[in-house]
Amino acid sequence: MSDAAGFGEIMKTATLLREIDTDECQRRNALSNKRVDLKLLPGAQVTVLESLDQGRAFLVEFAERSPDSCDWLGVLYTSELEFQTTRN
């Protein structure tokens, strides 16, 4: 992972704290090819790609099908995430 998020060599993962239903997933998904049935459940693990707005928001990706795919890409806020830190 690059240092775009300002995390250095540490990759950040986070846990989603609330459900994002299928309608909200559609609206907030930045991908052009969107799964219509996707919803994000509390406890879902996301990868933080970049910190935005001085750490108040984060560009994150969610991969449900496999670690090498991206099913959802969007901005989540600190109130929606709980952070974990893992070393690469």
Protein backbone atom coordinates (compact mmCIF):
# COMPACT_ATOMS: atom_id res chain seq x y z
CA MET A 1 0.00 0.00 0.00
CA SER A 2 1.33 3.44 -0.82
CA ASP A 3 1.59 6.20 1.72
CA ALA A 4 -1.33 8.10 0.14
CA ALA A 5 -3.33 7.68 3.32
CA GLY A 6 -0.44 8.88 5.46
CA PHE A 7 -0.10 5.54 7.23
CA GLY A 8 3.47 4.78 6.12
CA GLU A 9 4.11 1.05 5.96
CA ILE A 10 1.08 0.26 8.10
CA MET A 11 -2.06 -0.89 6.31
CA LYS A 12 -5.27 0.23 7.95
CA THR A 13 -8.34 -1.90 8.09
CA ALA A 14 -11.57 -0.91 9.74
CA THR A 15 -14.81 -2.48 10.82
CA LEU A 16 -18.10 -1.02 9.70
CA LEU A 17 -20.23 0.02 12.67
CA ARG A 18 -23.63 0.28 10.97
CA GLU A 19 -25.54 -1.28 8.11
CA ILE A 20 -25.47 0.40 4.71
CA ASP A 21 -28.50 -0.94 2.85
CA THR A 22 -28.68 -1.68 -0.87
CA ASP A 23 -30.08 1.75 -1.80
CA GLU A 24 -27.41 3.62 0.16
CA CYS A 25 -24.71 1.30 -1.23
CA GLN A 26 -25.83 2.19 -4.75
CA ARG A 27 -25.73 5.93 -4.04
CA ARG A 28 -22.38 5.93 -2.25
CA ASN A 29 -20.51 3.42 -4.46
CA ALA A 30 -17.92 5.12 -6.68
CA LEU A 31 -17.52 2.09 -8.95
CA SER A 32 -19.14 2.24 -12.38
CA ASN A 33 -20.04 -1.48 -12.30
CA LYS A 34 -22.25 -1.70 -9.20
CA ARG A 35 -23.79 -4.81 -7.68
CA VAL A 36 -27.48 -4.12 -7.16
CA ASP A 37 -27.80 -6.69 -4.36
CA LEU A 38 -24.88 -5.48 -2.24
CA LYS A 39 -25.40 -4.20 1.28
CA LEU A 40 -22.73 -3.69 3.92
CA LEU A 41 -23.44 -5.15 7.34
CA PRO A 42 -22.10 -4.07 10.71
CA GLY A 43 -18.82 -5.88 11.32
CA ALA A 44 -17.82 -5.89 7.64
CA GLN A 45 -14.08 -5.38 7.16
CA VAL A 46 -12.96 -2.57 4.83
CA THR A 47 -9.52 -1.44 3.70
CA VAL A 48 -8.73 2.24 4.13
CA LEU A 49 -7.08 3.60 0.98
CA GLU A 50 -6.84 7.28 1.78
CA SER A 51 -7.59 9.77 4.52
CA LEU A 52 -9.72 12.76 3.52
CA ASP A 53 -10.81 16.02 5.15
CA GLN A 54 -8.02 15.96 7.75
CA GLY A 55 -8.93 12.47 8.95
CA ARG A 56 -12.68 13.01 9.24
CA ALA A 57 -13.48 10.86 6.18
CA PHE A 58 -11.82 7.92 4.46
CA LEU A 59 -11.80 6.40 0.99
CA VAL A 60 -12.36 2.69 1.60
CA GLU A 61 -12.83 -0.47 -0.42
CA PHE A 62 -14.86 -3.54 0.46
CA ALA A 63 -14.17 -6.93 -1.08
CA GLU A 64 -16.84 -9.56 -0.44
CA ARG A 65 -16.14 -12.01 -3.27
CA SER A 66 -12.36 -12.26 -2.92
CA PRO A 67 -9.46 -10.26 -1.49
CA ASP A 68 -8.38 -9.36 -5.03
CA SER A 69 -11.70 -7.81 -6.03
CA CYS A 70 -13.41 -4.58 -5.08
CA ASP A 71 -17.17 -4.80 -4.62
CA TRP A 72 -17.66 -1.33 -3.14
CA LEU A 73 -15.54 1.82 -3.17
CA GLY A 74 -16.63 4.94 -1.37
CA VAL A 75 -16.19 7.46 1.39
CA LEU A 76 -17.02 6.55 4.98
CA TYR A 77 -16.79 8.79 8.03
CA THR A 78 -15.18 8.27 11.43
CA SER A 79 -18.60 7.71 13.02
CA GLU A 80 -19.14 4.72 10.69
CA LEU A 81 -15.81 2.96 11.33
CA GLU A 82 -13.76 1.32 14.05
CA PHE A 83 -10.06 1.06 13.16
CA GLN A 84 -7.59 -1.80 13.49
CA THR A 85 -3.92 -1.62 12.56
CA THR A 86 -2.04 -4.50 10.93
CA ARG A 87 1.55 -4.54 9.73
CA ASN A 88 2.35 -5.64 6.17
